[in-house]
Amino acid sequence: MNESDILASAKTIEEHSLSQLQYWLQYEKYSCVAGAGIVWMPYGLIMMGLLILAVLFTPFMLWHLFKAKWYKSIGIFLATVIIPLIISQLFDIGNTVADFLLMVLPLFTFYGYTWILSYVIGNHLNEMETVKKWQKEQLLNDY
């Protein structure tokens, strides 16, 4: 195995963490399909399932973002998901529609965030792969 092959197959901690997160984000995107099951299943059951998936996936996602040193993404997550969650817990509005919206807003922002994050990570990994290929070609051309 020559130097260019080692360079092409080597993964940084960032790339490894992001590729693992990208793998699981693909499944997380499809959990939104469960929301379509509201036609056939009780609303509370669907919302509880989506909430459980979000709660279980969040530490995994934040850990991989931390390992990849994507601190801005963690900050965006806190601003778009955690702060609305805290606000929704602080206010108890008597209006059922407004109360419902405050309750589901953090869940919708979570799934929106994971969908956008999946797209961003996919683009970043493609760019990293392109740079690796270019570096490999440069090493081969130098010999």
C-alpha atoms as a PDB file:
ATOM      1  CA  MET A   1       0.000   0.000   0.000  1.00  0.00           C
ATOM      2  CA  ASN A   2       1.583   3.258  -1.071  1.00  0.00           C
ATOM      3  CA  GLU A   3       1.294   6.696   0.491  1.00  0.00           C
ATOM      4  CA  SER A   4      -1.531   7.887  -1.756  1.00  0.00           C
ATOM      5  CA  ASP A   5      -3.688   4.854  -0.861  1.00  0.00           C
ATOM      6  CA  ILE A   6      -3.115   5.437   2.848  1.00  0.00           C
ATOM      7  CA  LEU A   7      -4.052   9.103   2.443  1.00  0.00           C
ATOM      8  CA  ALA A   8      -7.191   8.232   0.496  1.00  0.00           C
ATOM      9  CA  SER A   9      -8.432   5.695   3.041  1.00  0.00           C
ATOM     10  CA  ALA A  10      -7.491   7.571   6.226  1.00  0.00           C
ATOM     11  CA  LYS A  11     -10.310   9.201   8.152  1.00  0.00           C
ATOM     12  CA  THR A  12      -9.948  12.046  10.568  1.00  0.00           C
ATOM     13  CA  ILE A  13     -11.909  12.059  13.818  1.00  0.00           C
ATOM     14  CA  GLU A  14     -14.144  14.742  12.330  1.00  0.00           C
ATOM     15  CA  GLU A  15     -14.839  12.714   9.207  1.00  0.00           C
ATOM     16  CA  HIS A  16     -15.481   9.532  11.170  1.00  0.00           C
ATOM     17  CA  SER A  17     -17.876  11.247  13.582  1.00  0.00           C
ATOM     18  CA  LEU A  18     -19.721  13.016  10.803  1.00  0.00           C
ATOM     19  CA  SER A  19     -20.050   9.873   8.693  1.00  0.00           C
ATOM     20  CA  GLN A  20     -21.504   7.968  11.661  1.00  0.00           C
ATOM     21  CA  LEU A  21     -23.897  10.817  12.385  1.00  0.00           C
ATOM     22  CA  GLN A  22     -24.845  11.025   8.696  1.00  0.00           C
ATOM     23  CA  TYR A  23     -25.690   7.314   8.728  1.00  0.00           C
ATOM     24  CA  TRP A  24     -28.094   7.705  11.645  1.00  0.00           C
ATOM     25  CA  LEU A  25     -29.533  10.977  10.373  1.00  0.00           C
ATOM     26  CA  GLN A  26     -30.772   9.109   7.309  1.00  0.00           C
ATOM     27  CA  TYR A  27     -32.962   7.005   9.610  1.00  0.00           C
ATOM     28  CA  GLU A  28     -33.954  10.044  11.663  1.00  0.00           C
ATOM     29  CA  LYS A  29     -35.298  11.727   8.523  1.00  0.00           C
ATOM     30  CA  TYR A  30     -37.625   8.799   7.924  1.00  0.00           C
ATOM     31  CA  SER A  31     -39.079   9.025  11.417  1.00  0.00           C
ATOM     32  CA  CYS A  32     -40.984  12.066  10.159  1.00  0.00           C
ATOM     33  CA  VAL A  33     -42.955   9.617   8.031  1.00  0.00           C
ATOM     34  CA  ALA A  34     -44.443   8.365  11.278  1.00  0.00           C
ATOM     35  CA  GLY A  35     -46.232  11.696  11.448  1.00  0.00           C
ATOM     36  CA  ALA A  36     -48.205  10.635   8.386  1.00  0.00           C
ATOM     37  CA  GLY A  37     -49.445   7.675  10.423  1.00  0.00           C
ATOM     38  CA  ILE A  38     -51.655  10.085  12.321  1.00  0.00           C
ATOM     39  CA  VAL A  39     -54.380   9.181   9.828  1.00  0.00           C
ATOM     40  CA  TRP A  40     -54.391   5.570  11.037  1.00  0.00           C
ATOM     41  CA  MET A  41     -53.085   5.822  14.600  1.00  0.00           C
ATOM     42  CA  PRO A  42     -53.992   7.978  17.594  1.00  0.00           C
ATOM     43  CA  TYR A  43     -52.340  11.386  17.645  1.00  0.00           C
ATOM     44  CA  GLY A  44     -50.890  10.963  21.136  1.00  0.00           C
ATOM     45  CA  LEU A  45     -49.172   7.702  20.234  1.00  0.00           C
ATOM     46  CA  ILE A  46     -47.478   9.218  17.176  1.00  0.00           C
ATOM     47  CA  MET A  47     -46.334  12.304  19.080  1.00  0.00           C
ATOM     48  CA  MET A  48     -45.029  10.185  21.960  1.00  0.00           C
ATOM     49  CA  GLY A  49     -43.066   7.983  19.541  1.00  0.00           C
ATOM     50  CA  LEU A  50     -41.546  10.998  17.782  1.00  0.00           C
ATOM     51  CA  LEU A  51     -40.703  12.570  21.136  1.00  0.00           C
ATOM     52  CA  ILE A  52     -39.011   9.399  22.407  1.00  0.00           C
ATOM     53  CA  LEU A  53     -36.946   9.134  19.209  1.00  0.00           C
ATOM     54  CA  ALA A  54     -35.882  12.778  19.535  1.00  0.00           C
ATOM     55  CA  VAL A  55     -34.920  12.407  23.203  1.00  0.00           C
ATOM     56  CA  LEU A  56     -32.909   9.245  22.533  1.00  0.00           C
ATOM     57  CA  PHE A  57     -31.162  10.625  19.439  1.00  0.00           C
ATOM     58  CA  THR A  58     -30.209  14.060  20.825  1.00  0.00           C
ATOM     59  CA  PRO A  59     -27.265  12.992  23.072  1.00  0.00           C
ATOM     60  CA  PHE A  60     -25.850  10.815  20.274  1.00  0.00           C
ATOM     61  CA  MET A  61     -26.113  13.673  17.785  1.00  0.00           C
ATOM     62  CA  LEU A  62     -24.588  16.238  20.152  1.00  0.00           C
ATOM     63  CA  TRP A  63     -21.730  13.880  21.051  1.00  0.00           C
ATOM     64  CA  HIS A  64     -20.781  13.372  17.408  1.00  0.00           C
ATOM     65  CA  LEU A  65     -21.061  17.093  16.678  1.00  0.00           C
ATOM     66  CA  PHE A  66     -18.797  17.748  19.671  1.00  0.00           C
ATOM     67  CA  LYS A  67     -16.253  15.132  18.509  1.00  0.00           C
ATOM     68  CA  ALA A  68     -16.277  16.712  15.046  1.00  0.00           C
ATOM     69  CA  LYS A  69     -15.786  20.146  16.670  1.00  0.00           C
ATOM     70  CA  TRP A  70     -18.936  21.538  15.056  1.00  0.00           C
ATOM     71  CA  TYR A  71     -19.595  23.902  17.945  1.00  0.00           C
ATOM     72  CA  LYS A  72     -21.663  26.311  15.839  1.00  0.00           C
ATOM     73  CA  SER A  73     -24.061  23.486  15.002  1.00  0.00           C
ATOM     74  CA  ILE A  74     -24.429  22.710  18.701  1.00  0.00           C
ATOM     75  CA  GLY A  75     -25.150  26.388  19.368  1.00  0.00           C
ATOM     76  CA  ILE A  76     -27.735  26.473  16.595  1.00  0.00           C
ATOM     77  CA  PHE A  77     -29.342  23.361  18.076  1.00  0.00           C
ATOM     78  CA  LEU A  78     -29.545  25.016  21.479  1.00  0.00           C
ATOM     79  CA  ALA A  79     -31.047  28.178  19.986  1.00  0.00           C
ATOM     80  CA  THR A  80     -33.584  26.486  17.727  1.00  0.00           C
ATOM     81  CA  VAL A  81     -34.652  23.476  19.786  1.00  0.00           C
ATOM     82  CA  ILE A  82     -33.719  23.763  23.458  1.00  0.00           C
ATOM     83  CA  ILE A  83     -34.718  27.407  23.990  1.00  0.00           C
ATOM     84  CA  PRO A  84     -38.209  26.901  22.445  1.00  0.00           C
ATOM     85  CA  LEU A  85     -38.546  23.770  24.591  1.00  0.00           C
ATOM     86  CA  ILE A  86     -37.761  25.741  27.751  1.00  0.00           C
ATOM     87  CA  ILE A  87     -40.137  28.527  26.709  1.00  0.00           C
ATOM     88  CA  SER A  88     -42.924  26.031  26.011  1.00  0.00           C
ATOM     89  CA  GLN A  89     -42.484  24.584  29.499  1.00  0.00           C
ATOM     90  CA  LEU A  90     -42.593  28.006  31.179  1.00  0.00           C
ATOM     91  CA  PHE A  91     -45.862  29.220  29.664  1.00  0.00           C
ATOM     92  CA  ASP A  92     -49.240  27.632  30.219  1.00  0.00           C
ATOM     93  CA  ILE A  93     -51.699  29.242  27.855  1.00  0.00           C
ATOM     94  CA  GLY A  94     -55.391  28.502  28.295  1.00  0.00           C
ATOM     95  CA  ASN A  95     -55.996  28.567  24.554  1.00  0.00           C
ATOM     96  CA  THR A  96     -55.745  24.988  23.350  1.00  0.00           C
ATOM     97  CA  VAL A  97     -54.423  25.875  19.884  1.00  0.00           C
ATOM     98  CA  ALA A  98     -51.643  28.101  21.237  1.00  0.00           C
ATOM     99  CA  ASP A  99     -50.853  25.527  23.935  1.00  0.00           C
ATOM    100  CA  PHE A 100     -50.665  22.807  21.276  1.00  0.00           C
ATOM    101  CA  LEU A 101     -48.353  24.929  19.112  1.00  0.00           C
ATOM    102  CA  LEU A 102     -46.047  25.649  22.053  1.00  0.00           C
ATOM    103  CA  MET A 103     -45.972  21.936  22.808  1.00  0.00           C
ATOM    104  CA  VAL A 104     -45.113  20.701  19.293  1.00  0.00           C
ATOM    105  CA  LEU A 105     -42.873  23.589  18.171  1.00  0.00           C
ATOM    106  CA  PRO A 106     -39.698  22.113  19.742  1.00  0.00           C
ATOM    107  CA  LEU A 107     -40.447  18.752  18.128  1.00  0.00           C
ATOM    108  CA  PHE A 108     -40.946  20.311  14.692  1.00  0.00           C
ATOM    109  CA  THR A 109     -37.794  22.396  15.035  1.00  0.00           C
ATOM    110  CA  PHE A 110     -35.856  19.294  16.122  1.00  0.00           C
ATOM    111  CA  TYR A 111     -36.848  17.333  13.029  1.00  0.00           C
ATOM    112  CA  GLY A 112     -36.261  20.367  10.820  1.00  0.00           C
ATOM    113  CA  TYR A 113     -32.819  20.772  12.362  1.00  0.00           C
ATOM    114  CA  THR A 114     -31.912  17.110  11.809  1.00  0.00           C
ATOM    115  CA  TRP A 115     -33.108  17.288   8.201  1.00  0.00           C
ATOM    116  CA  ILE A 116     -30.975  20.365   7.490  1.00  0.00           C
ATOM    117  CA  LEU A 117     -28.026  18.903   9.428  1.00  0.00           C
ATOM    118  CA  SER A 118     -28.175  15.745   7.333  1.00  0.00           C
ATOM    119  CA  TYR A 119     -27.966  17.819   4.165  1.00  0.00           C
ATOM    120  CA  VAL A 120     -25.090  19.961   5.487  1.00  0.00           C
ATOM    121  CA  ILE A 121     -23.085  16.958   6.706  1.00  0.00           C
ATOM    122  CA  GLY A 122     -23.606  15.172   3.388  1.00  0.00           C
ATOM    123  CA  ASN A 123     -22.250  18.183   1.499  1.00  0.00           C
ATOM    124  CA  HIS A 124     -19.317  18.532   3.893  1.00  0.00           C
ATOM    125  CA  LEU A 125     -18.383  14.849   3.558  1.00  0.00           C
ATOM    126  CA  ASN A 126     -18.584  15.118  -0.240  1.00  0.00           C
ATOM    127  CA  GLU A 127     -16.265  18.127  -0.153  1.00  0.00           C
ATOM    128  CA  MET A 128     -13.829  16.255   2.101  1.00  0.00           C
ATOM    129  CA  GLU A 129     -13.888  13.292  -0.291  1.00  0.00           C
ATOM    130  CA  THR A 130     -13.221  15.597  -3.239  1.00  0.00           C
ATOM    131  CA  VAL A 131     -10.247  17.169  -1.443  1.00  0.00           C
ATOM    132  CA  LYS A 132      -8.856  13.710  -0.635  1.00  0.00           C
ATOM    133  CA  LYS A 133      -9.154  12.634  -4.268  1.00  0.00           C
ATOM    134  CA  TRP A 134      -7.435  15.817  -5.384  1.00  0.00           C
ATOM    135  CA  GLN A 135      -4.619  15.273  -2.855  1.00  0.00           C
ATOM    136  CA  LYS A 136      -4.244  11.683  -4.030  1.00  0.00           C
ATOM    137  CA  GLU A 137      -4.011  12.837  -7.647  1.00  0.00           C
ATOM    138  CA  GLN A 138      -1.405  15.426  -6.662  1.00  0.00           C
ATOM    139  CA  LEU A 139       0.693  12.751  -4.930  1.00  0.00           C
ATOM    140  CA  LEU A 140       0.435  10.472  -7.951  1.00  0.00           C
ATOM    141  CA  ASN A 141       1.395  13.307 -10.293  1.00  0.00           C
ATOM    142  CA  ASP A 142       4.412  14.164  -8.142  1.00  0.00           C
ATOM    143  CA  TYR A 143       5.882  10.676  -8.627  1.00  0.00           C
END
